[in-house]
Amino acid sequence: MEKLRIFCENNNGYMSCDYGSTLNEVLKGFESWPEERPLAAIVDNQLKELDFKLFMPHKVRFIGISHPDGNRTYYRSLCFLLQRALVSLLPGYSLVINYNLPNGPYAEVQDQEGNVLVLKPVQIESLKVIMKGLVERNLPIIKSKMNSLDAEAIFKANGQKEKARLVELGGRFFTTVYSLDGYTDTFYGPLVPSTGLLEVFDLVQYKDGMFLVLPDRNMKLPELKNQDKLYEVFKEDARWVSIIGVRSISSITECILSENTHRMIQIAEALHERRYADIADMIYAGRNNIRLVLIAGPSSSGKTTTSKRIALQCRVLGLNPKVIEMDNYFVDRERTPRDESGEYDFEHIEAMDLEFLNMQLRMLMSGEEIDVPKFDFVEGKRFFDGEKMKLEEDDILIMEGIHGLNPRLTSSVPDVNKFKIYASALTSLSIDENNTISTSDNRLLRRIVRDNNFRGVSAENTILRWASVRRGETENIFPYQENADAMFNSSLIFELPMLKYYAEPLLRRIAPNSPAYTEVIRLLKFLNFYPALKPQEIEMIPPTSVMREFIGGARW
């Protein structure tokens, strides 16, 4: 019988297999596997499970834990494993993944009414034992299609009301589900084919719940870090969304469809304003020492708007803040460091002109006047337009940028004279009970829209640069976040439906043969959960909103 030929990128050659073979069966054709253990595959730039069947020629790349999609596959599968263990240990209770922290997803156990059950250490140990037993049995994780009404009934029986409601709102005849040892659920992306691939994990008690600790790219458990401040920000956001009355995608969808968008926007913006005022109060309390306010955070956190809004609240208190943007202190493009792939690494601290910045800070702190620089992101050059700045005796300087909490950035200013703020889009919203919304996805969509509107960068190039951006954040930003004196969450409950209006057309222009296409498909599937805001609803967003930083129309 004629064989099917596929091109495998891992060994840069062709392989033969029978028509209808699964990717798992193709893997058996390797005499030895020189790389990490495959968890999923990218087939013609589309992410597929290892049980995907081949009926025509394809280009295939097997991926493991170090690939972002391989990491997400392991994460989803491990969540499913924990759910199955929980059902065995505590029938009638369900797992709720609240948010993703750097230590891992933070999960709580809830009863049918949504009350949290705080597990005892012995119960967490029992969960780990059950999970390890499921791994040792190497049970299959089976993907299938199910009538949506039947799937909805199963999810309700599992205590997953949000998931059941999302299936109902989706309006589809069939729903993709996964089964493990008699337990059924759904996830929005591939899972591993069997539990034997999930050997490395840990459960660590934290607050009222636990961390599900995932391995790093070397399949080793990472060292846990203090994340109390970050946890409190997520907790506060969860309280805010409960005030607004929306906790998940289904409730946001219902709010938009019932034409209550204006109220959702108003309350969300008012909550932001309250937090800006709280931070300004903290600065005012330390006014005798504070000369420099630093606002840091990862890419597309809304740092520019945050700095201006906090400055406005400081003026209300009688302070005289002056704002300067750190992005204007980039080195010229040809001096920008490059990452391991040879691409410009704009997130590296050496992409900043540290010597020039600290010279100007010393001048400002000593009462001298400076020429304020500007940066042309299209040309990659610094320029001056005649703007001057001088700090008077009672002035404070506000600076924003991704490296604001790194001591190297402002080494010329004593710590006692600094107030440090960490800003990021830390949404506690979830797709459903056990599928969270990634804060990095939220920021990527912001950046796609902003780069297209204001920086002359296509959506395709933004996506292709994102891996480098994320590496830079991990190395240069996240290690300093717990050192902040205050944290500001710039996420807004209505922003993903708003971003869909702008980002979806940009994503659909990217061709299937683009290396960015795998991410395009994932983002489009994610955005498909939301209805897009209408232009008249977007007009309701105030000109001082952090969203205006990405879509335009800001006025101060």
Protein backbone atom coordinates (compact mmCIF):
# COMPACT_ATOMS: atom_id res chain seq x y z
CA MET A 1 0.00 0.00 0.00
CA GLU A 2 1.24 3.48 -0.92
CA LYS A 3 2.75 5.40 1.98
CA LEU A 4 2.08 8.99 3.00
CA ARG A 5 5.11 11.30 3.12
CA ILE A 6 5.33 14.12 5.64
CA PHE A 7 8.10 16.64 6.17
CA CYS A 8 9.31 16.69 9.77
CA GLU A 9 11.00 19.93 10.82
CA ASN A 10 12.61 18.29 13.85
CA ASN A 11 15.00 16.24 11.73
CA ASN A 12 14.68 18.37 8.60
CA GLY A 13 13.66 15.41 6.46
CA TYR A 14 10.80 13.37 5.07
CA MET A 15 9.19 10.46 6.88
CA SER A 16 6.79 7.82 5.61
CA CYS A 17 3.68 6.52 7.35
CA ASP A 18 0.37 4.82 6.56
CA TYR A 19 -2.63 6.93 5.63
CA GLY A 20 -4.64 7.59 8.79
CA SER A 21 -1.63 7.27 11.10
CA THR A 22 -1.63 9.43 14.21
CA LEU A 23 1.22 11.76 15.06
CA ASN A 24 1.98 9.46 18.00
CA GLU A 25 2.50 6.60 15.57
CA VAL A 26 4.78 8.77 13.43
CA LEU A 27 6.93 9.37 16.53
CA LYS A 28 7.70 5.65 16.63
CA GLY A 29 9.59 6.11 13.36
CA PHE A 30 12.36 7.97 15.17
CA GLU A 31 15.23 5.69 16.11
CA SER A 32 16.11 8.08 18.92
CA TRP A 33 14.58 11.34 20.05
CA PRO A 34 17.35 13.91 20.47
CA GLU A 35 15.17 16.69 21.88
CA GLU A 36 12.68 17.01 24.73
CA ARG A 37 9.70 14.70 24.94
CA PRO A 38 6.94 15.69 22.47
CA LEU A 39 3.65 16.84 23.97
CA ALA A 40 1.87 18.17 20.87
CA ALA A 41 2.72 19.14 17.30
CA ILE A 42 2.40 22.05 14.91
CA VAL A 43 0.97 20.76 11.64
CA ASP A 44 1.04 23.25 8.76
CA ASN A 45 1.29 26.04 11.35
CA GLN A 46 -1.71 24.75 13.31
CA LEU A 47 -1.47 23.25 16.78
CA LYS A 48 -2.62 19.63 16.98
CA GLU A 49 -2.81 16.84 19.55
CA LEU A 50 -0.59 13.81 19.12
CA ASP A 51 -3.66 11.71 18.28
CA PHE A 52 -4.28 13.85 15.15
CA LYS A 53 -4.64 11.58 12.12
CA LEU A 54 -2.77 12.21 8.87
CA PHE A 55 -4.50 11.72 5.51
CA MET A 56 -2.46 14.05 3.30
CA PRO A 57 1.06 15.46 3.13
CA HIS A 58 1.90 17.89 5.92
CA LYS A 59 4.74 19.85 7.43
CA VAL A 60 5.07 18.73 11.06
CA ARG A 61 7.03 20.03 14.02
CA PHE A 62 6.82 18.15 17.31
CA ILE A 63 6.98 20.41 20.37
CA GLY A 64 7.75 19.89 24.05
CA ILE A 65 7.61 21.77 27.33
CA SER A 66 10.00 24.57 26.24
CA HIS A 67 7.69 25.67 23.42
CA PRO A 68 4.90 28.05 24.57
CA ASP A 69 2.21 25.82 23.07
CA GLY A 70 3.84 22.73 24.51
CA ASN A 71 3.90 24.40 27.91
CA ARG A 72 0.20 25.29 27.62
CA THR A 73 -0.59 21.70 26.59
CA TYR A 74 1.16 20.38 29.72
CA TYR A 75 -0.61 22.96 31.88
CA ARG A 76 -4.11 22.12 30.59
CA SER A 77 -3.46 18.39 30.93
CA LEU A 78 -2.18 18.76 34.47
CA CYS A 79 -5.27 20.75 35.44
CA PHE A 80 -7.40 17.90 34.08
CA LEU A 81 -5.35 15.40 36.09
CA LEU A 82 -5.89 17.45 39.28
CA GLN A 83 -9.64 17.65 38.60
CA ARG A 84 -9.89 13.90 38.18
CA ALA A 85 -7.99 13.37 41.44
CA LEU A 86 -10.21 15.85 43.29
CA VAL A 87 -13.38 14.06 42.18
CA SER A 88 -11.97 10.82 43.59
CA LEU A 89 -11.01 12.42 46.90
CA LEU A 90 -13.95 14.79 47.40
CA PRO A 91 -17.06 13.82 45.41
CA GLY A 92 -19.44 16.75 44.99
CA TYR A 93 -16.68 19.36 45.01
CA SER A 94 -15.10 21.03 41.99
CA LEU A 95 -11.80 22.68 41.15
CA VAL A 96 -11.74 26.38 40.28
CA ILE A 97 -8.59 27.83 38.72
CA ASN A 98 -8.76 31.46 39.81
CA TYR A 99 -5.69 33.02 38.22
CA ASN A 100 -2.19 32.31 36.98
CA LEU A 101 0.65 33.42 39.24
CA PRO A 102 4.36 32.94 38.45
CA ASN A 103 4.49 30.05 40.93
CA GLY A 104 1.75 28.36 38.91
CA PRO A 105 -2.04 28.44 38.59
CA TYR A 106 -3.76 29.23 41.89
CA ALA A 107 -6.72 26.94 42.49
CA GLU A 108 -9.45 26.62 45.11
CA VAL A 109 -11.91 23.86 45.89
CA GLN A 110 -15.59 24.82 45.96
CA ASP A 111 -18.89 23.15 46.72
CA GLN A 112 -21.97 23.36 44.48
CA GLU A 113 -22.93 26.75 45.98
CA GLY A 114 -19.49 28.26 45.35
CA ASN A 115 -18.27 28.12 48.96
CA VAL A 116 -14.53 27.56 49.29
CA LEU A 117 -13.32 24.46 51.11
CA VAL A 118 -9.89 25.09 52.62
CA LEU A 119 -8.00 21.84 52.24
CA LYS A 120 -5.94 20.40 55.07
CA PRO A 121 -2.29 19.50 54.36
CA VAL A 122 -3.15 15.81 54.55
CA GLN A 123 -5.81 16.27 51.85
CA ILE A 124 -3.36 18.02 49.53
CA GLU A 125 -0.91 15.17 50.05
CA SER A 126 -3.72 12.71 49.23
CA LEU A 127 -4.42 14.61 45.99
CA LYS A 128 -0.78 14.30 44.99
CA VAL A 129 -0.81 10.57 45.70
CA ILE A 130 -3.92 10.08 43.55
CA MET A 131 -2.43 12.17 40.73
CA LYS A 132 0.81 10.18 40.80
CA GLY A 133 -1.22 6.97 40.68
CA LEU A 134 -3.03 8.19 37.56
CA VAL A 135 0.33 9.04 36.00
CA GLU A 136 1.77 5.60 36.77
CA ARG A 137 -1.25 3.93 35.15
CA ASN A 138 -0.57 5.94 31.96
CA LEU A 139 -4.29 6.31 31.26
CA PRO A 140 -5.44 7.62 27.88
CA ILE A 141 -6.92 11.12 27.61
CA ILE A 142 -9.57 10.69 24.95
CA LYS A 143 -10.86 13.51 22.76
CA SER A 144 -14.35 13.26 21.23
CA LYS A 145 -17.35 15.23 20.04
CA MET A 146 -20.52 15.28 22.11
CA ASN A 147 -23.99 16.70 21.60
CA SER A 148 -23.84 20.14 23.21
CA LEU A 149 -26.99 19.52 25.27
CA ASP A 150 -25.39 16.40 26.75
CA ALA A 151 -22.13 18.27 27.40
CA GLU A 152 -24.06 21.07 29.11
CA ALA A 153 -25.77 18.55 31.39
CA ILE A 154 -22.43 16.95 32.32
CA PHE A 155 -20.87 20.30 33.18
CA LYS A 156 -23.81 21.26 35.36
CA ALA A 157 -23.52 17.93 37.18
CA ASN A 158 -19.81 18.66 37.68
CA GLY A 159 -20.69 21.97 39.35
CA GLN A 160 -19.35 23.95 36.35
CA LYS A 161 -22.19 26.41 35.81
CA GLU A 162 -20.08 28.94 33.90
CA LYS A 163 -18.85 26.26 31.51
CA ALA A 164 -22.38 25.00 30.93
CA ARG A 165 -23.59 28.55 30.27
CA LEU A 166 -20.75 29.14 27.80
CA VAL A 167 -21.75 26.03 25.84
CA GLU A 168 -25.34 27.27 25.80
CA LEU A 169 -24.33 30.73 24.56
CA GLY A 170 -22.04 29.20 21.91
CA GLY A 171 -25.04 27.88 20.00
CA ARG A 172 -23.19 24.91 18.50
CA PHE A 173 -24.63 21.46 17.88
CA PHE A 174 -21.54 19.65 19.16
CA THR A 175 -18.89 20.33 21.79
CA THR A 176 -15.36 18.92 21.96
CA VAL A 177 -14.78 17.10 25.23
CA TYR A 178 -11.98 15.12 26.87
CA SER A 179 -12.39 12.01 29.01
CA LEU A 180 -10.03 10.64 31.65
CA ASP A 181 -10.87 7.56 33.69
CA GLY A 182 -14.62 8.21 33.44
CA TYR A 183 -14.47 11.97 34.05
CA THR A 184 -15.41 14.39 31.24
CA ASP A 185 -14.53 18.05 30.74
CA THR A 186 -13.56 20.47 28.00
CA PHE A 187 -10.48 22.60 27.39
CA TYR A 188 -9.70 25.15 24.72
CA GLY A 189 -6.55 23.64 23.27
CA PRO A 190 -4.79 20.27 22.96
CA LEU A 191 -4.08 17.90 25.83
CA VAL A 192 -1.42 15.21 26.00
CA PRO A 193 -2.54 11.75 24.82
CA SER A 194 -1.98 9.99 28.15
CA THR A 195 -1.29 10.69 31.80
CA GLY A 196 2.15 9.08 31.70
CA LEU A 197 3.53 12.27 30.18
CA LEU A 198 2.65 14.28 33.31
CA GLU A 199 5.28 13.00 35.70
CA VAL A 200 6.59 16.35 36.99
CA PHE A 201 4.34 18.55 39.15
CA ASP A 202 3.67 19.62 42.71
CA LEU A 203 0.81 20.92 44.85
CA VAL A 204 1.63 23.58 47.43
CA GLN A 205 -0.87 24.96 49.93
CA TYR A 206 -1.29 28.73 49.69
CA LYS A 207 -3.89 31.02 51.30
CA ASP A 208 -7.31 29.35 50.95
CA GLY A 209 -6.20 27.22 48.01
CA MET A 210 -3.07 25.81 46.42
CA PHE A 211 -0.52 26.31 43.70
CA LEU A 212 -0.36 23.72 40.94
CA VAL A 213 3.38 23.92 40.28
CA LEU A 214 4.48 23.16 36.72
CA PRO A 215 7.98 22.15 35.58
CA ASP A 216 10.30 24.56 33.83
CA ARG A 217 11.65 24.03 30.30
CA ASN A 218 14.15 21.49 31.72
CA MET A 219 11.33 19.48 33.33
CA LYS A 220 12.49 20.54 36.78
CA LEU A 221 10.30 22.05 39.49
CA PRO A 222 11.16 25.74 39.94
CA GLU A 223 11.97 27.40 43.23
CA LEU A 224 8.85 29.06 44.66
CA LYS A 225 8.92 32.80 45.28
CA ASN A 226 7.03 35.21 47.47
CA GLN A 227 4.01 36.49 45.54
CA ASP A 228 1.79 37.92 48.26
CA LYS A 229 1.49 41.38 46.69
CA LEU A 230 0.62 39.98 43.27
CA TYR A 231 -1.93 37.63 44.83
CA GLU A 232 -3.62 40.55 46.60
CA VAL A 233 -3.92 42.44 43.30
CA PHE A 234 -5.69 39.49 41.70
CA LYS A 235 -7.89 39.15 44.78
CA GLU A 236 -8.82 42.82 44.56
CA ASP A 237 -9.64 42.48 40.87
CA ALA A 238 -11.92 39.53 41.65
CA ARG A 239 -13.73 41.75 44.17
CA TRP A 240 -14.04 44.52 41.56
CA VAL A 241 -15.53 42.26 38.89
CA SER A 242 -18.04 40.96 41.43
CA ILE A 243 -19.06 44.59 42.06
CA ILE A 244 -19.59 45.08 38.33
CA GLY A 245 -21.49 41.79 38.21
CA VAL A 246 -19.36 39.96 35.65
CA ARG A 247 -16.98 37.14 36.58
CA SER A 248 -16.48 35.22 33.36
CA ILE A 249 -16.86 35.39 29.59
CA SER A 250 -20.47 34.24 29.66
CA SER A 251 -21.51 37.04 32.03
CA ILE A 252 -19.64 39.65 29.94
CA THR A 253 -21.35 38.33 26.81
CA GLU A 254 -24.76 38.56 28.47
CA CYS A 255 -24.01 42.10 29.63
CA ILE A 256 -23.08 43.21 26.11
CA LEU A 257 -26.03 41.44 24.48
CA SER A 258 -28.41 43.05 26.98
CA GLU A 259 -26.96 46.47 26.04
CA ASN A 260 -25.58 47.20 29.51
CA THR A 261 -22.12 47.97 28.13
CA HIS A 262 -22.24 51.64 29.15
CA ARG A 263 -22.79 50.77 32.82
CA MET A 264 -19.97 48.19 32.70
CA ILE A 265 -17.58 50.80 31.25
CA GLN A 266 -18.59 53.48 33.77
CA ILE A 267 -18.10 51.27 36.85
CA ALA A 268 -14.82 49.81 35.58
CA GLU A 269 -13.38 53.28 34.92
CA ALA A 270 -14.60 54.56 38.31
CA LEU A 271 -12.83 51.68 40.08
CA HIS A 272 -9.62 52.59 38.25
CA GLU A 273 -9.96 56.19 39.34
CA ARG A 274 -10.36 55.11 42.95
CA ARG A 275 -7.16 53.07 42.83
CA TYR A 276 -5.24 55.94 41.23
CA ALA A 277 -6.37 58.12 44.14
CA ASP A 278 -5.28 55.51 46.71
CA ILE A 279 -1.75 55.42 45.25
CA ALA A 280 -1.59 59.22 45.15
CA ASP A 281 -2.48 59.25 48.86
CA MET A 282 0.49 56.95 49.54
CA ILE A 283 2.82 59.27 47.65
CA TYR A 284 1.47 62.30 49.50
CA ALA A 285 2.09 60.59 52.83
CA GLY A 286 5.80 60.26 51.94
CA ARG A 287 6.14 63.67 50.30
CA ASN A 288 8.98 64.79 52.59
CA ASN A 289 11.36 62.24 51.03
CA ILE A 290 9.91 61.19 47.68
CA ARG A 291 11.39 62.99 44.65
CA LEU A 292 11.03 60.25 42.01
CA VAL A 293 8.00 58.03 41.36
CA LEU A 294 8.81 55.03 39.17
CA ILE A 295 6.07 53.13 37.36
CA ALA A 296 7.24 49.78 35.96
CA GLY A 297 5.63 46.82 34.34
CA PRO A 298 5.74 44.54 31.32
CA SER A 299 4.93 45.55 27.76
CA SER A 300 1.49 47.07 27.11
CA SER A 301 0.61 47.44 30.77
CA GLY A 302 -0.75 50.94 30.29
CA LYS A 303 2.16 52.53 32.12
CA THR A 304 1.96 55.83 30.21
CA THR A 305 -1.68 56.43 31.07
CA THR A 306 -1.16 55.20 34.63
CA SER A 307 1.61 57.75 35.17
CA LYS A 308 -0.58 60.58 33.88
CA ARG A 309 -3.61 59.57 35.92
CA ILE A 310 -1.59 59.23 39.13
CA ALA A 311 0.02 62.59 38.39
CA LEU A 312 -3.45 64.12 38.09
CA GLN A 313 -4.49 62.67 41.46
CA CYS A 314 -1.28 64.01 43.01
CA ARG A 315 -2.17 67.49 41.77
CA VAL A 316 -5.53 67.18 43.50
CA LEU A 317 -3.59 66.74 46.75
CA GLY A 318 -1.48 69.84 46.10
CA LEU A 319 1.63 68.06 44.81
CA ASN A 320 3.33 69.22 41.62
CA PRO A 321 4.30 66.13 39.58
CA LYS A 322 6.13 66.24 36.28
CA VAL A 323 5.94 63.23 33.98
CA ILE A 324 8.70 61.91 31.77
CA GLU A 325 8.44 58.73 29.68
CA MET A 326 11.23 56.18 29.92
CA ASP A 327 10.52 55.00 26.38
CA ASN A 328 12.15 58.24 25.23
CA TYR A 329 15.48 56.99 26.63
CA PHE A 330 15.96 54.06 24.26
CA VAL A 331 19.32 53.87 22.53
CA ASP A 332 19.22 54.40 18.78
CA ARG A 333 18.12 51.30 16.87
CA GLU A 334 21.61 50.27 15.71
CA ARG A 335 22.79 50.16 19.36
CA THR A 336 19.89 47.99 20.54
CA PRO A 337 20.95 44.56 21.93
CA ARG A 338 19.83 41.47 20.05
CA ASP A 339 18.38 38.27 21.47
CA GLU A 340 19.53 34.71 20.84
CA SER A 341 17.64 34.70 17.52
CA GLY A 342 19.36 37.85 16.31
CA GLU A 343 16.24 39.99 16.72
CA TYR A 344 16.24 43.36 18.46
CA ASP A 345 15.68 42.87 22.20
CA PHE A 346 13.78 46.01 23.16
CA GLU A 347 13.00 44.60 26.62
CA HIS A 348 16.67 44.31 27.65
CA ILE A 349 17.81 46.97 30.10
CA GLU A 350 20.77 47.70 27.83
CA ALA A 351 18.24 48.89 25.25
CA MET A 352 17.99 51.92 27.53
CA ASP A 353 20.62 54.66 27.48
CA LEU A 354 21.42 54.31 31.18
CA GLU A 355 24.31 56.77 31.18
CA PHE A 356 22.29 59.52 29.50
CA LEU A 357 19.23 58.88 31.68
CA ASN A 358 21.17 59.02 34.96
CA MET A 359 23.01 62.14 33.83
CA GLN A 360 19.67 63.86 33.27
CA LEU A 361 18.30 62.59 36.59
CA ARG A 362 21.31 64.01 38.43
CA MET A 363 20.74 67.33 36.68
CA LEU A 364 17.04 67.37 37.58
CA MET A 365 17.63 66.43 41.23
CA SER A 366 20.18 69.25 41.55
CA GLY A 367 17.77 71.81 40.12
CA GLU A 368 19.23 72.04 36.61
CA GLU A 369 17.15 72.26 33.43
CA ILE A 370 17.24 69.47 30.83
CA ASP A 371 16.21 69.09 27.20
CA VAL A 372 13.54 66.36 27.27
CA PRO A 373 14.29 63.68 24.65
CA LYS A 374 11.72 62.06 22.37
CA PHE A 375 12.02 58.79 20.48
CA ASP A 376 10.80 58.04 16.95
CA PHE A 377 9.86 54.35 16.99
CA VAL A 378 9.46 54.16 13.22
CA GLU A 379 12.91 55.62 12.51
CA GLY A 380 14.50 54.20 15.68
CA LYS A 381 16.14 57.51 16.56
CA ARG A 382 16.17 59.95 19.47
CA PHE A 383 15.29 63.57 18.76
CA PHE A 384 14.57 66.80 20.64
CA ASP A 385 11.63 69.09 19.92
CA GLY A 386 12.56 71.94 22.26
CA GLU A 387 10.69 70.73 25.38
CA LYS A 388 12.48 71.68 28.60
CA MET A 389 12.09 70.41 32.16
CA LYS A 390 13.29 71.60 35.55
CA LEU A 391 12.32 70.38 39.01
CA GLU A 392 11.50 73.06 41.52
CA GLU A 393 11.93 72.45 45.24
CA ASP A 394 8.46 70.91 45.81
CA ASP A 395 8.21 69.05 42.48
CA ILE A 396 8.24 65.28 42.13
CA LEU A 397 9.22 63.46 38.96
CA ILE A 398 7.10 60.58 37.61
CA MET A 399 8.77 58.18 35.17
CA GLU A 400 7.28 55.11 33.57
CA GLY A 401 8.86 52.17 31.75
CA ILE A 402 9.38 48.44 31.92
CA HIS A 403 12.58 48.67 33.99
CA GLY A 404 11.40 51.12 36.63
CA LEU A 405 11.95 48.70 39.53
CA ASN A 406 15.44 47.66 38.39
CA PRO A 407 17.98 49.50 40.60
CA ARG A 408 20.36 49.86 37.64
CA LEU A 409 17.97 52.14 35.82
CA THR A 410 18.06 54.95 38.40
CA SER A 411 21.27 54.22 40.26
CA SER A 412 21.97 57.95 40.67
CA VAL A 413 18.91 58.43 42.92
CA PRO A 414 18.95 57.16 46.56
CA ASP A 415 16.27 54.56 47.37
CA VAL A 416 14.78 56.75 50.10
CA ASN A 417 13.83 59.28 47.43
CA LYS A 418 11.98 56.74 45.25
CA PHE A 419 8.41 55.42 45.30
CA LYS A 420 8.01 52.32 43.13
CA ILE A 421 4.78 51.22 41.42
CA TYR A 422 4.27 47.98 39.49
CA ALA A 423 1.56 48.11 36.82
CA SER A 424 0.21 45.26 34.71
CA ALA A 425 -3.01 43.98 33.18
CA LEU A 426 -3.75 41.35 35.84
CA THR A 427 -7.23 40.16 34.98
CA SER A 428 -8.94 37.67 37.27
CA LEU A 429 -11.52 36.93 34.59
CA SER A 430 -11.83 33.35 33.41
CA ILE A 431 -13.23 31.62 30.36
CA ASP A 432 -14.90 29.22 32.78
CA GLU A 433 -14.17 27.48 36.08
CA ASN A 434 -10.87 25.89 35.03
CA ASN A 435 -9.78 27.81 31.93
CA THR A 436 -8.24 31.14 32.85
CA ILE A 437 -7.49 34.14 30.67
CA SER A 438 -3.76 34.67 30.34
CA THR A 439 -2.59 38.15 31.30
CA SER A 440 0.12 37.85 28.65
CA ASP A 441 -2.53 37.19 25.96
CA ASN A 442 -4.36 40.28 27.15
CA ARG A 443 -1.20 42.36 26.77
CA LEU A 444 -0.33 40.81 23.41
CA LEU A 445 -3.68 41.91 21.99
CA ARG A 446 -3.12 45.40 23.38
CA ARG A 447 0.31 45.51 21.75
CA ILE A 448 -0.97 44.27 18.39
CA VAL A 449 -3.50 47.08 18.30
CA ARG A 450 -1.10 49.76 19.57
CA ASP A 451 1.80 48.74 17.30
CA ASN A 452 -0.45 48.82 14.26
CA ASN A 453 -1.96 52.19 15.19
CA PHE A 454 1.08 54.12 16.38
CA ARG A 455 4.37 52.30 15.80
CA GLY A 456 4.24 51.19 12.19
CA VAL A 457 4.52 47.50 13.12
CA SER A 458 2.22 44.86 11.61
CA ALA A 459 0.31 42.33 13.70
CA GLU A 460 2.46 39.59 12.20
CA ASN A 461 5.71 41.22 13.31
CA THR A 462 4.31 41.96 16.77
CA ILE A 463 3.46 38.27 17.22
CA LEU A 464 6.86 37.14 15.94
CA ARG A 465 8.61 39.47 18.40
CA TRP A 466 6.45 38.44 21.35
CA ALA A 467 8.59 35.47 22.41
CA SER A 468 11.56 37.79 22.76
CA VAL A 469 9.40 40.27 24.69
CA ARG A 470 8.30 37.55 27.11
CA ARG A 471 11.87 36.37 27.67
CA GLY A 472 12.92 39.93 28.42
CA GLU A 473 10.07 40.34 30.90
CA THR A 474 10.99 37.13 32.69
CA GLU A 475 14.62 38.17 32.97
CA ASN A 476 14.35 41.93 33.53
CA ILE A 477 10.93 42.81 34.97
CA PHE A 478 9.15 40.05 36.87
CA PRO A 479 12.04 39.43 39.34
CA TYR A 480 11.51 42.95 40.74
CA GLN A 481 7.70 43.10 40.95
CA GLU A 482 7.39 42.20 44.64
CA ASN A 483 9.74 45.09 45.49
CA ALA A 484 7.08 47.61 44.51
CA ASP A 485 5.63 49.97 47.11
CA ALA A 486 2.26 49.75 45.33
CA MET A 487 0.73 47.69 42.53
CA PHE A 488 -1.77 48.91 39.96
CA ASN A 489 -3.93 46.57 37.90
CA SER A 490 -4.63 48.23 34.54
CA SER A 491 -7.04 45.59 33.22
CA LEU A 492 -10.59 46.64 32.43
CA ILE A 493 -13.56 44.33 32.32
CA PHE A 494 -14.67 45.46 28.86
CA GLU A 495 -11.30 45.54 27.13
CA LEU A 496 -11.21 42.14 25.44
CA PRO A 497 -14.50 42.69 23.55
CA MET A 498 -13.13 46.13 22.66
CA LEU A 499 -9.76 44.75 21.53
CA LYS A 500 -11.55 42.14 19.42
CA TYR A 501 -13.06 44.95 17.31
CA TYR A 502 -9.56 46.19 16.43
CA ALA A 503 -7.41 43.06 16.55
CA GLU A 504 -9.54 40.50 14.73
CA PRO A 505 -9.27 42.14 11.27
CA LEU A 506 -5.50 42.52 11.73
CA LEU A 507 -5.12 38.85 12.65
CA ARG A 508 -7.18 37.66 9.69
CA ARG A 509 -4.77 39.36 7.28
CA ILE A 510 -1.94 37.03 8.29
CA ALA A 511 -1.39 34.24 5.77
CA PRO A 512 -1.49 30.54 6.77
CA ASN A 513 2.13 30.05 5.68
CA SER A 514 3.35 32.69 8.14
CA PRO A 515 5.29 31.40 11.17
CA ALA A 516 2.92 33.59 13.23
CA TYR A 517 -0.14 31.66 12.04
CA THR A 518 -0.17 29.15 14.92
CA GLU A 519 -0.57 32.03 17.35
CA VAL A 520 -3.11 33.71 15.06
CA ILE A 521 -5.39 30.67 15.18
CA ARG A 522 -5.12 30.47 18.96
CA LEU A 523 -5.92 34.15 19.46
CA LEU A 524 -8.84 34.06 17.02
CA LYS A 525 -10.33 31.06 18.85
CA PHE A 526 -9.94 32.92 22.13
CA LEU A 527 -11.56 36.10 20.76
CA ASN A 528 -14.40 34.04 19.36
CA PHE A 529 -15.75 33.64 22.90
CA TYR A 530 -16.65 37.35 22.97
CA PRO A 531 -18.95 39.56 20.95
CA ALA A 532 -17.01 42.61 19.75
CA LEU A 533 -18.01 46.02 21.05
CA LYS A 534 -19.77 48.21 18.52
CA PRO A 535 -18.20 51.54 17.43
CA GLN A 536 -20.87 53.47 19.34
CA GLU A 537 -20.03 51.50 22.49
CA ILE A 538 -16.30 52.18 22.04
CA GLU A 539 -17.12 55.89 21.85
CA MET A 540 -18.41 55.61 25.44
CA ILE A 541 -14.86 54.91 26.69
CA PRO A 542 -13.62 58.15 28.27
CA PRO A 543 -10.62 59.96 26.71
CA THR A 544 -8.63 59.47 29.93
CA SER A 545 -9.05 55.66 29.91
CA VAL A 546 -5.96 53.46 29.76
CA MET A 547 -7.57 51.88 26.69
CA ARG A 548 -7.05 55.11 24.75
CA GLU A 549 -3.32 54.42 24.94
CA PHE A 550 -3.90 51.53 22.52
CA ILE A 551 -6.82 52.62 20.35
CA GLY A 552 -6.25 56.39 20.24
CA GLY A 553 -8.45 59.32 21.20
CA ALA A 554 -6.70 60.15 24.48
CA ARG A 555 -7.16 63.71 25.75
CA TRP A 556 -5.62 65.24 28.87
